[in-house]
PDB file of N, CA and C in Angstrom:
ATOM      1  N   UNK A   1      19.280 -16.987 -15.905  1.00  0.00           N
ATOM      2  CA  UNK A   1      18.814 -16.935 -14.537  1.00  0.00           C
ATOM      3  C   UNK A   1      19.207 -15.617 -13.864  1.00  0.00           C
ATOM      4  N   UNK A   2      20.441 -15.216 -14.041  1.00  0.00           N
ATOM      5  CA  UNK A   2      20.887 -13.952 -13.444  1.00  0.00           C
ATOM      6  C   UNK A   2      20.125 -12.784 -14.053  1.00  0.00           C
ATOM      7  N   UNK A   3      19.854 -12.865 -15.341  1.00  0.00           N
ATOM      8  CA  UNK A   3      19.098 -11.815 -16.011  1.00  0.00           C
ATOM      9  C   UNK A   3      17.699 -11.686 -15.401  1.00  0.00           C
ATOM     10  N   UNK A   4      17.054 -12.820 -15.086  1.00  0.00           N
ATOM     11  CA  UNK A   4      15.733 -12.811 -14.445  1.00  0.00           C
ATOM     12  C   UNK A   4      15.776 -12.136 -13.085  1.00  0.00           C
ATOM     13  N   UNK A   5      16.789 -12.441 -12.309  1.00  0.00           N
ATOM     14  CA  UNK A   5      16.932 -11.849 -10.974  1.00  0.00           C
ATOM     15  C   UNK A   5      17.105 -10.345 -11.093  1.00  0.00           C
ATOM     16  N   UNK A   6      17.966  -9.896 -11.996  1.00  0.00           N
ATOM     17  CA  UNK A   6      18.177  -8.460 -12.166  1.00  0.00           C
ATOM     18  C   UNK A   6      16.928  -7.757 -12.669  1.00  0.00           C
ATOM     19  N   UNK A   7      16.171  -8.414 -13.551  1.00  0.00           N
ATOM     20  CA  UNK A   7      14.953  -7.774 -14.062  1.00  0.00           C
ATOM     21  C   UNK A   7      13.910  -7.638 -12.968  1.00  0.00           C
ATOM     22  N   UNK A   8      13.900  -8.570 -11.992  1.00  0.00           N
ATOM     23  CA  UNK A   8      12.976  -8.456 -10.863  1.00  0.00           C
ATOM     24  C   UNK A   8      13.419  -7.364  -9.904  1.00  0.00           C
ATOM     25  N   UNK A   9      14.733  -7.231  -9.724  1.00  0.00           N
ATOM     26  CA  UNK A   9      15.252  -6.264  -8.759  1.00  0.00           C
ATOM     27  C   UNK A   9      15.297  -4.838  -9.298  1.00  0.00           C
ATOM     28  N   UNK A  10      15.591  -4.681 -10.578  1.00  0.00           N
ATOM     29  CA  UNK A  10      15.788  -3.350 -11.144  1.00  0.00           C
ATOM     30  C   UNK A  10      14.787  -3.093 -12.256  1.00  0.00           C
ATOM     31  N   UNK A  11      13.587  -2.785 -11.877  1.00  0.00           N
ATOM     32  CA  UNK A  11      12.538  -2.524 -12.864  1.00  0.00           C
ATOM     33  C   UNK A  11      12.171  -1.041 -12.831  1.00  0.00           C
ATOM     34  N   UNK A  12      11.613  -0.580 -13.937  1.00  0.00           N
ATOM     35  CA  UNK A  12      11.254   0.832 -14.045  1.00  0.00           C
ATOM     36  C   UNK A  12       9.935   1.154 -13.373  1.00  0.00           C
ATOM     37  N   UNK A  13       9.055   0.169 -13.315  1.00  0.00           N
ATOM     38  CA  UNK A  13       7.718   0.432 -12.813  1.00  0.00           C
ATOM     39  C   UNK A  13       7.193  -0.785 -12.062  1.00  0.00           C
ATOM     40  N   UNK A  14       6.445  -0.547 -11.006  1.00  0.00           N
ATOM     41  CA  UNK A  14       5.828  -1.618 -10.232  1.00  0.00           C
ATOM     42  C   UNK A  14       4.325  -1.540 -10.441  1.00  0.00           C
ATOM     43  N   UNK A  15       3.725  -2.665 -10.793  1.00  0.00           N
ATOM     44  CA  UNK A  15       2.271  -2.708 -10.936  1.00  0.00           C
ATOM     45  C   UNK A  15       1.651  -2.924  -9.565  1.00  0.00           C
ATOM     46  N   UNK A  16       0.675  -2.108  -9.238  1.00  0.00           N
ATOM     47  CA  UNK A  16      -0.013  -2.193  -7.961  1.00  0.00           C
ATOM     48  C   UNK A  16      -1.504  -2.376  -8.185  1.00  0.00           C
ATOM     49  N   UNK A  17      -2.164  -2.968  -7.221  1.00  0.00           N
ATOM     50  CA  UNK A  17      -3.618  -3.031  -7.200  1.00  0.00           C
ATOM     51  C   UNK A  17      -4.069  -2.110  -6.077  1.00  0.00           C
ATOM     52  N   UNK A  18      -4.975  -1.212  -6.381  1.00  0.00           N
ATOM     53  CA  UNK A  18      -5.494  -0.275  -5.384  1.00  0.00           C
ATOM     54  C   UNK A  18      -6.901  -0.706  -4.994  1.00  0.00           C
ATOM     55  N   UNK A  19      -7.154  -0.824  -3.715  1.00  0.00           N
ATOM     56  CA  UNK A  19      -8.498  -1.140  -3.239  1.00  0.00           C
ATOM     57  C   UNK A  19      -9.443   0.004  -3.630  1.00  0.00           C
ATOM     58  N   UNK A  20     -10.688  -0.330  -3.976  1.00  0.00           N
ATOM     59  CA  UNK A  20     -11.645   0.712  -4.370  1.00  0.00           C
ATOM     60  C   UNK A  20     -11.879   1.744  -3.266  1.00  0.00           C
ATOM     61  N   UNK A  21     -11.920   1.306  -2.033  1.00  0.00           N
ATOM     62  CA  UNK A  21     -12.092   2.217  -0.890  1.00  0.00           C
ATOM     63  C   UNK A  21     -10.712   2.422  -0.295  1.00  0.00           C
ATOM     64  N   UNK A  22      -9.980   3.368  -0.852  1.00  0.00           N
ATOM     65  CA  UNK A  22      -8.599   3.634  -0.468  1.00  0.00           C
ATOM     66  C   UNK A  22      -8.563   4.628   0.684  1.00  0.00           C
ATOM     67  N   UNK A  23      -7.858   4.291   1.740  1.00  0.00           N
ATOM     68  CA  UNK A  23      -7.685   5.213   2.859  1.00  0.00           C
ATOM     69  C   UNK A  23      -6.609   6.224   2.486  1.00  0.00           C
ATOM     70  N   UNK A  24      -6.934   7.513   2.641  1.00  0.00           N
ATOM     71  CA  UNK A  24      -5.993   8.603   2.332  1.00  0.00           C
ATOM     72  C   UNK A  24      -5.814   9.482   3.558  1.00  0.00           C
ATOM     73  N   UNK A  25      -4.577   9.937   3.785  1.00  0.00           N
ATOM     74  CA  UNK A  25      -4.374  10.881   4.879  1.00  0.00           C
ATOM     75  C   UNK A  25      -5.042  12.205   4.504  1.00  0.00           C
ATOM     76  N   UNK A  26      -5.346  13.009   5.516  1.00  0.00           N
ATOM     77  CA  UNK A  26      -6.130  14.236   5.319  1.00  0.00           C
ATOM     78  C   UNK A  26      -5.509  15.209   4.323  1.00  0.00           C
ATOM     79  N   UNK A  27      -4.193  15.228   4.221  1.00  0.00           N
ATOM     80  CA  UNK A  27      -3.536  16.190   3.330  1.00  0.00           C
ATOM     81  C   UNK A  27      -3.416  15.699   1.880  1.00  0.00           C
ATOM     82  N   UNK A  28      -3.898  14.506   1.588  1.00  0.00           N
ATOM     83  CA  UNK A  28      -3.917  14.006   0.213  1.00  0.00           C
ATOM     84  C   UNK A  28      -5.347  14.059  -0.298  1.00  0.00           C
ATOM     85  N   UNK A  29      -5.515  14.566  -1.515  1.00  0.00           N
ATOM     86  CA  UNK A  29      -6.867  14.675  -2.056  1.00  0.00           C
ATOM     87  C   UNK A  29      -7.102  13.641  -3.153  1.00  0.00           C
ATOM     88  N   UNK A  30      -8.357  13.287  -3.338  1.00  0.00           N
ATOM     89  CA  UNK A  30      -8.745  12.309  -4.349  1.00  0.00           C
ATOM     90  C   UNK A  30      -8.411  12.816  -5.751  1.00  0.00           C
ATOM     91  N   UNK A  31      -8.511  14.124  -5.956  1.00  0.00           N
ATOM     92  CA  UNK A  31      -8.238  14.648  -7.302  1.00  0.00           C
ATOM     93  C   UNK A  31      -6.757  14.562  -7.675  1.00  0.00           C
ATOM     94  N   UNK A  32      -5.871  14.440  -6.704  1.00  0.00           N
ATOM     95  CA  UNK A  32      -4.436  14.286  -6.971  1.00  0.00           C
ATOM     96  C   UNK A  32      -4.022  12.820  -7.077  1.00  0.00           C
ATOM     97  N   UNK A  33      -4.977  11.912  -6.944  1.00  0.00           N
ATOM     98  CA  UNK A  33      -4.685  10.493  -6.853  1.00  0.00           C
ATOM     99  C   UNK A  33      -4.019   9.925  -8.105  1.00  0.00           C
ATOM    100  N   UNK A  34      -4.487  10.276  -9.283  1.00  0.00           N
ATOM    101  CA  UNK A  34      -3.905   9.736 -10.514  1.00  0.00           C
ATOM    102  C   UNK A  34      -2.434  10.118 -10.635  1.00  0.00           C
ATOM    103  N   UNK A  35      -2.131  11.374 -10.377  1.00  0.00           N
ATOM    104  CA  UNK A  35      -0.743  11.844 -10.450  1.00  0.00           C
ATOM    105  C   UNK A  35       0.110  11.133  -9.404  1.00  0.00           C
ATOM    106  N   UNK A  36      -0.440  10.976  -8.216  1.00  0.00           N
ATOM    107  CA  UNK A  36       0.274  10.321  -7.129  1.00  0.00           C
ATOM    108  C   UNK A  36       0.536   8.847  -7.449  1.00  0.00           C
ATOM    109  N   UNK A  37      -0.465   8.161  -8.002  1.00  0.00           N
ATOM    110  CA  UNK A  37      -0.299   6.753  -8.372  1.00  0.00           C
ATOM    111  C   UNK A  37       0.795   6.578  -9.414  1.00  0.00           C
ATOM    112  N   UNK A  38       0.810   7.450 -10.427  1.00  0.00           N
ATOM    113  CA  UNK A  38       1.845   7.380 -11.462  1.00  0.00           C
ATOM    114  C   UNK A  38       3.232   7.543 -10.852  1.00  0.00           C
ATOM    115  N   UNK A  39       3.351   8.486  -9.961  1.00  0.00           N
ATOM    116  CA  UNK A  39       4.629   8.754  -9.296  1.00  0.00           C
ATOM    117  C   UNK A  39       5.064   7.553  -8.452  1.00  0.00           C
ATOM    118  N   UNK A  40       4.133   6.985  -7.709  1.00  0.00           N
ATOM    119  CA  UNK A  40       4.421   5.831  -6.848  1.00  0.00           C
ATOM    120  C   UNK A  40       4.888   4.641  -7.681  1.00  0.00           C
ATOM    121  N   UNK A  41       4.181   4.354  -8.770  1.00  0.00           N
ATOM    122  CA  UNK A  41       4.514   3.194  -9.586  1.00  0.00           C
ATOM    123  C   UNK A  41       5.869   3.319 -10.265  1.00  0.00           C
ATOM    124  N   UNK A  42       6.370   4.537 -10.388  1.00  0.00           N
ATOM    125  CA  UNK A  42       7.713   4.761 -10.925  1.00  0.00           C
ATOM    126  C   UNK A  42       8.766   4.761  -9.818  1.00  0.00           C
ATOM    127  N   UNK A  43       8.321   4.566  -8.582  1.00  0.00           N
ATOM    128  CA  UNK A  43       9.250   4.511  -7.461  1.00  0.00           C
ATOM    129  C   UNK A  43       9.704   5.866  -6.976  1.00  0.00           C
ATOM    130  N   UNK A  44       8.915   6.882  -7.251  1.00  0.00           N
ATOM    131  CA  UNK A  44       9.302   8.248  -6.879  1.00  0.00           C
ATOM    132  C   UNK A  44       8.369   8.789  -5.812  1.00  0.00           C
ATOM    133  N   UNK A  45       8.843   9.782  -5.090  1.00  0.00           N
ATOM    134  CA  UNK A  45       8.027  10.424  -4.072  1.00  0.00           C
ATOM    135  C   UNK A  45       8.390   9.945  -2.682  1.00  0.00           C
ATOM    136  N   UNK A  46       7.863  10.661  -1.713  1.00  0.00           N
ATOM    137  CA  UNK A  46       8.211  10.351  -0.325  1.00  0.00           C
ATOM    138  C   UNK A  46       7.002   9.908   0.496  1.00  0.00           C
ATOM    139  N   UNK A  47       5.887   9.680  -0.147  1.00  0.00           N
ATOM    140  CA  UNK A  47       4.697   9.273   0.602  1.00  0.00           C
ATOM    141  C   UNK A  47       4.889   7.869   1.176  1.00  0.00           C
ATOM    142  N   UNK A  48       4.006   7.495   2.058  1.00  0.00           N
ATOM    143  CA  UNK A  48       4.019   6.153   2.637  1.00  0.00           C
ATOM    144  C   UNK A  48       2.837   5.378   2.071  1.00  0.00           C
ATOM    145  N   UNK A  49       3.086   4.140   1.716  1.00  0.00           N
ATOM    146  CA  UNK A  49       2.086   3.281   1.103  1.00  0.00           C
ATOM    147  C   UNK A  49       1.743   2.179   2.097  1.00  0.00           C
ATOM    148  N   UNK A  50       0.460   2.024   2.380  1.00  0.00           N
ATOM    149  CA  UNK A  50       0.014   0.966   3.285  1.00  0.00           C
ATOM    150  C   UNK A  50      -0.452  -0.197   2.412  1.00  0.00           C
ATOM    151  N   UNK A  51       0.327  -1.267   2.426  1.00  0.00           N
ATOM    152  CA  UNK A  51       0.032  -2.453   1.637  1.00  0.00           C
ATOM    153  C   UNK A  51      -0.599  -3.519   2.515  1.00  0.00           C
ATOM    154  N   UNK A  52      -1.500  -4.290   1.939  1.00  0.00           N
ATOM    155  CA  UNK A  52      -2.019  -5.460   2.636  1.00  0.00           C
ATOM    156  C   UNK A  52      -0.894  -6.493   2.604  1.00  0.00           C
ATOM    157  N   UNK A  53      -0.478  -6.930   3.769  1.00  0.00           N
ATOM    158  CA  UNK A  53       0.642  -7.865   3.855  1.00  0.00           C
ATOM    159  C   UNK A  53       0.269  -9.219   3.268  1.00  0.00           C
ATOM    160  N   UNK A  54       1.217  -9.818   2.560  1.00  0.00           N
ATOM    161  CA  UNK A  54       0.983 -11.159   2.035  1.00  0.00           C
ATOM    162  C   UNK A  54       1.394 -12.228   3.051  1.00  0.00           C
ATOM    163  N   UNK A  55       1.870 -11.794   4.212  1.00  0.00           N
ATOM    164  CA  UNK A  55       2.234 -12.724   5.278  1.00  0.00           C
ATOM    165  C   UNK A  55       1.000 -12.992   6.137  1.00  0.00           C
ATOM    166  N   UNK A  56       0.820 -14.236   6.501  1.00  0.00           N
ATOM    167  CA  UNK A  56      -0.378 -14.636   7.226  1.00  0.00           C
ATOM    168  C   UNK A  56      -0.505 -13.965   8.595  1.00  0.00           C
ATOM    169  N   UNK A  57       0.615 -13.760   9.267  1.00  0.00           N
ATOM    170  CA  UNK A  57       0.572 -13.228  10.633  1.00  0.00           C
ATOM    171  C   UNK A  57       0.762 -11.709  10.714  1.00  0.00           C
ATOM    172  N   UNK A  58       0.728 -11.019   9.574  1.00  0.00           N
ATOM    173  CA  UNK A  58       0.840  -9.566   9.548  1.00  0.00           C
ATOM    174  C   UNK A  58      -0.325  -8.991   8.760  1.00  0.00           C
ATOM    175  N   UNK A  59      -0.763  -7.789   9.139  1.00  0.00           N
ATOM    176  CA  UNK A  59      -1.872  -7.147   8.429  1.00  0.00           C
ATOM    177  C   UNK A  59      -1.399  -6.215   7.331  1.00  0.00           C
ATOM    178  N   UNK A  60      -0.445  -5.340   7.658  1.00  0.00           N
ATOM    179  CA  UNK A  60      -0.025  -4.310   6.715  1.00  0.00           C
ATOM    180  C   UNK A  60       1.491  -4.168   6.682  1.00  0.00           C
ATOM    181  N   UNK A  61       1.974  -3.684   5.546  1.00  0.00           N
ATOM    182  CA  UNK A  61       3.352  -3.242   5.395  1.00  0.00           C
ATOM    183  C   UNK A  61       3.280  -1.767   5.038  1.00  0.00           C
ATOM    184  N   UNK A  62       4.135  -0.970   5.634  1.00  0.00           N
ATOM    185  CA  UNK A  62       4.210   0.451   5.296  1.00  0.00           C
ATOM    186  C   UNK A  62       5.549   0.671   4.608  1.00  0.00           C
ATOM    187  N   UNK A  63       5.489   1.089   3.341  1.00  0.00           N
ATOM    188  CA  UNK A  63       6.696   1.238   2.526  1.00  0.00           C
ATOM    189  C   UNK A  63       6.686   2.574   1.794  1.00  0.00           C
ATOM    190  N   UNK A  64       7.837   2.924   1.254  1.00  0.00           N
ATOM    191  CA  UNK A  64       7.952   4.112   0.398  1.00  0.00           C
ATOM    192  C   UNK A  64       7.910   3.644  -1.063  1.00  0.00           C
ATOM    193  N   UNK A  65       7.669   4.551  -1.997  1.00  0.00           N
ATOM    194  CA  UNK A  65       7.682   4.162  -3.408  1.00  0.00           C
ATOM    195  C   UNK A  65       9.015   3.539  -3.842  1.00  0.00           C
ATOM    196  N   UNK A  66      10.113   4.066  -3.342  1.00  0.00           N
ATOM    197  CA  UNK A  66      11.425   3.525  -3.692  1.00  0.00           C
ATOM    198  C   UNK A  66      11.599   2.085  -3.237  1.00  0.00           C
ATOM    199  N   UNK A  67      11.046   1.739  -2.101  1.00  0.00           N
ATOM    200  CA  UNK A  67      11.150   0.371  -1.594  1.00  0.00           C
ATOM    201  C   UNK A  67      10.363  -0.611  -2.451  1.00  0.00           C
ATOM    202  N   UNK A  68       9.317  -0.152  -3.113  1.00  0.00           N
ATOM    203  CA  UNK A  68       8.524  -1.030  -3.985  1.00  0.00           C
ATOM    204  C   UNK A  68       9.371  -1.597  -5.115  1.00  0.00           C
ATOM    205  N   UNK A  69      10.227  -0.769  -5.669  1.00  0.00           N
ATOM    206  CA  UNK A  69      11.011  -1.160  -6.838  1.00  0.00           C
ATOM    207  C   UNK A  69      12.060  -2.215  -6.526  1.00  0.00           C
ATOM    208  N   UNK A  70      12.536  -2.241  -5.305  1.00  0.00           N
ATOM    209  CA  UNK A  70      13.655  -3.123  -4.978  1.00  0.00           C
ATOM    210  C   UNK A  70      13.254  -4.319  -4.132  1.00  0.00           C
ATOM    211  N   UNK A  71      11.988  -4.644  -4.179  1.00  0.00           N
ATOM    212  CA  UNK A  71      11.488  -5.800  -3.445  1.00  0.00           C
ATOM    213  C   UNK A  71      10.991  -6.824  -4.456  1.00  0.00           C
ATOM    214  N   UNK A  72      11.316  -8.062  -4.257  1.00  0.00           N
ATOM    215  CA  UNK A  72      10.881  -9.122  -5.164  1.00  0.00           C
ATOM    216  C   UNK A  72       9.478  -9.555  -4.752  1.00  0.00           C
ATOM    217  N   UNK A  73       8.535  -9.464  -5.688  1.00  0.00           N
ATOM    218  CA  UNK A  73       7.131  -9.765  -5.386  1.00  0.00           C
ATOM    219  C   UNK A  73       6.713 -11.151  -5.851  1.00  0.00           C
ATOM    220  N   UNK A  74       7.604 -11.918  -6.478  1.00  0.00           N
ATOM    221  CA  UNK A  74       7.322 -13.285  -6.915  1.00  0.00           C
ATOM    222  C   UNK A  74       6.011 -13.394  -7.684  1.00  0.00           C
ATOM    223  N   UNK A  75       5.807 -12.512  -8.636  1.00  0.00           N
ATOM    224  CA  UNK A  75       4.633 -12.564  -9.491  1.00  0.00           C
ATOM    225  C   UNK A  75       3.356 -12.033  -8.877  1.00  0.00           C
ATOM    226  N   UNK A  76       3.415 -11.589  -7.642  1.00  0.00           N
ATOM    227  CA  UNK A  76       2.227 -11.048  -6.982  1.00  0.00           C
ATOM    228  C   UNK A  76       2.194  -9.534  -7.171  1.00  0.00           C
ATOM    229  N   UNK A  77       0.998  -9.000  -7.298  1.00  0.00           N
ATOM    230  CA  UNK A  77       0.835  -7.553  -7.332  1.00  0.00           C
ATOM    231  C   UNK A  77       0.574  -7.073  -5.912  1.00  0.00           C
ATOM    232  N   UNK A  78       1.369  -6.120  -5.424  1.00  0.00           N
ATOM    233  CA  UNK A  78       1.083  -5.563  -4.102  1.00  0.00           C
ATOM    234  C   UNK A  78      -0.280  -4.867  -4.111  1.00  0.00           C
ATOM    235  N   UNK A  79      -1.011  -4.989  -3.009  1.00  0.00           N
ATOM    236  CA  UNK A  79      -2.348  -4.406  -2.895  1.00  0.00           C
ATOM    237  C   UNK A  79      -2.288  -3.234  -1.919  1.00  0.00           C
ATOM    238  N   UNK A  80      -2.676  -2.053  -2.419  1.00  0.00           N
ATOM    239  CA  UNK A  80      -2.622  -0.829  -1.628  1.00  0.00           C
ATOM    240  C   UNK A  80      -3.945  -0.613  -0.912  1.00  0.00           C
ATOM    241  N   UNK A  81      -3.851  -0.453   0.415  1.00  0.00           N
ATOM    242  CA  UNK A  81      -5.038  -0.166   1.229  1.00  0.00           C
ATOM    243  C   UNK A  81      -5.113   1.312   1.583  1.00  0.00           C
ATOM    244  N   UNK A  82      -3.962   2.001   1.573  1.00  0.00           N
ATOM    245  CA  UNK A  82      -3.959   3.409   1.948  1.00  0.00           C
ATOM    246  C   UNK A  82      -2.698   4.125   1.528  1.00  0.00           C
ATOM    247  N   UNK A  83      -2.804   5.450   1.455  1.00  0.00           N
ATOM    248  CA  UNK A  83      -1.673   6.322   1.119  1.00  0.00           C
ATOM    249  C   UNK A  83      -1.613   7.454   2.126  1.00  0.00           C
ATOM    250  N   UNK A  84      -0.408   7.761   2.563  1.00  0.00           N
ATOM    251  CA  UNK A  84      -0.219   8.832   3.537  1.00  0.00           C
ATOM    252  C   UNK A  84       0.994   9.661   3.138  1.00  0.00           C
ATOM    253  N   UNK A  85       1.015  10.901   3.597  1.00  0.00           N
ATOM    254  CA  UNK A  85       2.117  11.786   3.233  1.00  0.00           C
ATOM    255  C   UNK A  85       3.386  11.509   4.023  1.00  0.00           C
ATOM    256  N   UNK A  86       3.260  10.940   5.221  1.00  0.00           N
ATOM    257  CA  UNK A  86       4.450  10.628   6.018  1.00  0.00           C
ATOM    258  C   UNK A  86       4.147   9.458   6.948  1.00  0.00           C
ATOM    259  N   UNK A  87       5.144   9.046   7.700  1.00  0.00           N
ATOM    260  CA  UNK A  87       4.996   7.865   8.550  1.00  0.00           C
ATOM    261  C   UNK A  87       3.954   8.059   9.648  1.00  0.00           C
ATOM    262  N   UNK A  88       3.948   9.235  10.245  1.00  0.00           N
ATOM    263  CA  UNK A  88       2.966   9.512  11.298  1.00  0.00           C
ATOM    264  C   UNK A  88       1.546   9.396  10.762  1.00  0.00           C
ATOM    265  N   UNK A  89       1.298   9.979   9.588  1.00  0.00           N
ATOM    266  CA  UNK A  89      -0.022   9.889   8.954  1.00  0.00           C
ATOM    267  C   UNK A  89      -0.366   8.434   8.606  1.00  0.00           C
ATOM    268  N   UNK A  90       0.635   7.658   8.206  1.00  0.00           N
ATOM    269  CA  UNK A  90       0.396   6.250   7.871  1.00  0.00           C
ATOM    270  C   UNK A  90      -0.078   5.480   9.101  1.00  0.00           C
ATOM    271  N   UNK A  91       0.569   5.725  10.248  1.00  0.00           N
ATOM    272  CA  UNK A  91       0.139   5.042  11.473  1.00  0.00           C
ATOM    273  C   UNK A  91      -1.254   5.509  11.900  1.00  0.00           C
ATOM    274  N   UNK A  92      -1.570   6.785  11.675  1.00  0.00           N
ATOM    275  CA  UNK A  92      -2.921   7.275  11.974  1.00  0.00           C
ATOM    276  C   UNK A  92      -3.961   6.591  11.088  1.00  0.00           C
ATOM    277  N   UNK A  93      -3.603   6.371   9.810  1.00  0.00           N
ATOM    278  CA  UNK A  93      -4.531   5.669   8.909  1.00  0.00           C
ATOM    279  C   UNK A  93      -4.752   4.226   9.361  1.00  0.00           C
ATOM    280  N   UNK A  94      -3.697   3.560   9.806  1.00  0.00           N
ATOM    281  CA  UNK A  94      -3.845   2.195  10.300  1.00  0.00           C
ATOM    282  C   UNK A  94      -4.772   2.194  11.514  1.00  0.00           C
ATOM    283  N   UNK A  95      -4.623   3.174  12.388  1.00  0.00           N
ATOM    284  CA  UNK A  95      -5.524   3.284  13.546  1.00  0.00           C
ATOM    285  C   UNK A  95      -6.965   3.511  13.091  1.00  0.00           C
ATOM    286  N   UNK A  96      -7.159   4.313  12.044  1.00  0.00           N
ATOM    287  CA  UNK A  96      -8.493   4.551  11.492  1.00  0.00           C
ATOM    288  C   UNK A  96      -9.084   3.254  10.944  1.00  0.00           C
ATOM    289  N   UNK A  97      -8.264   2.472  10.250  1.00  0.00           N
ATOM    290  CA  UNK A  97      -8.723   1.183   9.731  1.00  0.00           C
ATOM    291  C   UNK A  97      -9.158   0.278  10.882  1.00  0.00           C
ATOM    292  N   UNK A  98      -8.359   0.253  11.942  1.00  0.00           N
ATOM    293  CA  UNK A  98      -8.695  -0.562  13.120  1.00  0.00           C
ATOM    294  C   UNK A  98     -10.023  -0.102  13.718  1.00  0.00           C
ATOM    295  N   UNK A  99     -10.189   1.221  13.904  1.00  0.00           N
ATOM    296  CA  UNK A  99     -11.443   1.759  14.445  1.00  0.00           C
ATOM    297  C   UNK A  99     -12.631   1.405  13.558  1.00  0.00           C
ATOM    298  N   UNK A 100     -12.485   1.614  12.248  1.00  0.00           N
ATOM    299  CA  UNK A 100     -13.569   1.307  11.311  1.00  0.00           C
ATOM    300  C   UNK A 100     -13.929  -0.180  11.347  1.00  0.00           C
ATOM    301  N   UNK A 101     -12.919  -1.027  11.423  1.00  0.00           N
ATOM    302  CA  UNK A 101     -13.148  -2.468  11.468  1.00  0.00           C
ATOM    303  C   UNK A 101     -13.922  -2.844  12.732  1.00  0.00           C
ATOM    304  N   UNK A 102     -13.521  -2.284  13.864  1.00  0.00           N
ATOM    305  CA  UNK A 102     -14.218  -2.573  15.125  1.00  0.00           C
ATOM    306  C   UNK A 102     -15.671  -2.091  15.075  1.00  0.00           C
ATOM    307  N   UNK A 103     -15.893  -0.889  14.512  1.00  0.00           N
ATOM    308  CA  UNK A 103     -17.259  -0.350  14.427  1.00  0.00           C
ATOM    309  C   UNK A 103     -18.138  -1.166  13.490  1.00  0.00           C
ATOM    310  N   UNK A 104     -17.587  -1.565  12.356  1.00  0.00           N
ATOM    311  CA  UNK A 104     -18.383  -2.236  11.326  1.00  0.00           C
ATOM    312  C   UNK A 104     -18.489  -3.751  11.481  1.00  0.00           C
ATOM    313  N   UNK A 105     -17.471  -4.368  12.042  1.00  0.00           N
ATOM    314  CA  UNK A 105     -17.475  -5.836  12.145  1.00  0.00           C
ATOM    315  C   UNK A 105     -17.489  -6.331  13.582  1.00  0.00           C
ATOM    316  N   UNK A 106     -16.979  -5.507  14.494  1.00  0.00           N
ATOM    317  CA  UNK A 106     -16.902  -5.929  15.883  1.00  0.00           C
ATOM    318  C   UNK A 106     -15.731  -6.854  16.178  1.00  0.00           C
ATOM    319  N   UNK A 107     -14.770  -6.888  15.254  1.00  0.00           N
ATOM    320  CA  UNK A 107     -13.583  -7.724  15.456  1.00  0.00           C
ATOM    321  C   UNK A 107     -12.348  -7.025  14.884  1.00  0.00           C
ATOM    322  N   UNK A 108     -11.236  -7.721  14.912  1.00  0.00           N
ATOM    323  CA  UNK A 108      -9.988  -7.150  14.388  1.00  0.00           C
ATOM    324  C   UNK A 108      -9.475  -7.949  13.189  1.00  0.00           C
ATOM    325  N   UNK A 109     -10.371  -8.439  12.383  1.00  0.00           N
ATOM    326  CA  UNK A 109     -10.002  -9.147  11.155  1.00  0.00           C
ATOM    327  C   UNK A 109      -9.777  -8.088  10.072  1.00  0.00           C
ATOM    328  N   UNK A 110      -8.648  -7.393  10.191  1.00  0.00           N
ATOM    329  CA  UNK A 110      -8.384  -6.210   9.363  1.00  0.00           C
ATOM    330  C   UNK A 110      -8.297  -6.530   7.878  1.00  0.00           C
ATOM    331  N   UNK A 111      -7.625  -7.602   7.519  1.00  0.00           N
ATOM    332  CA  UNK A 111      -7.530  -7.948   6.103  1.00  0.00           C
ATOM    333  C   UNK A 111      -8.905  -8.253   5.522  1.00  0.00           C
ATOM    334  N   UNK A 112      -9.699  -9.021   6.254  1.00  0.00           N
ATOM    335  CA  UNK A 112     -11.059  -9.327   5.789  1.00  0.00           C
ATOM    336  C   UNK A 112     -11.867  -8.054   5.616  1.00  0.00           C
ATOM    337  N   UNK A 113     -11.715  -7.147   6.555  1.00  0.00           N
ATOM    338  CA  UNK A 113     -12.436  -5.875   6.484  1.00  0.00           C
ATOM    339  C   UNK A 113     -12.029  -5.090   5.224  1.00  0.00           C
ATOM    340  N   UNK A 114     -10.740  -4.948   4.990  1.00  0.00           N
ATOM    341  CA  UNK A 114     -10.269  -4.196   3.815  1.00  0.00           C
ATOM    342  C   UNK A 114     -10.764  -4.866   2.533  1.00  0.00           C
ATOM    343  N   UNK A 115     -10.706  -6.193   2.459  1.00  0.00           N
ATOM    344  CA  UNK A 115     -11.162  -6.893   1.258  1.00  0.00           C
ATOM    345  C   UNK A 115     -12.663  -6.738   1.045  1.00  0.00           C
ATOM    346  N   UNK A 116     -13.419  -6.483   2.113  1.00  0.00           N
ATOM    347  CA  UNK A 116     -14.874  -6.346   1.978  1.00  0.00           C
ATOM    348  C   UNK A 116     -15.293  -4.961   1.486  1.00  0.00           C
ATOM    349  N   UNK A 117     -14.386  -4.007   1.506  1.00  0.00           N
ATOM    350  CA  UNK A 117     -14.742  -2.633   1.102  1.00  0.00           C
ATOM    351  C   UNK A 117     -14.825  -2.496  -0.402  1.00  0.00           C
TER     352      UNK A 117
END
């Protein structure tokens, strides 16, 4: 049992699911995405990751790659909605998601909107 807990807490790599329509901050390019994803999954780098929250009353979690490794996911794969170079850019991306959702759906059902992309 203790071995299971340690293996969940101290892993080398985190498996993530990336939405096909990934929101990126302006300073991140699509051509650098593969390298960035590899770095993130190893828990390295300083970028901010916008995850779709698994909590019913929250839309997103903003975390660093290092935080991914030390969080227990209980068999769930975290779902990435966006990547940003810093916290300010991450909040700007969330605002962009909100604007896009309002324009396209006319509501604030952000998770539904992201899943529809």
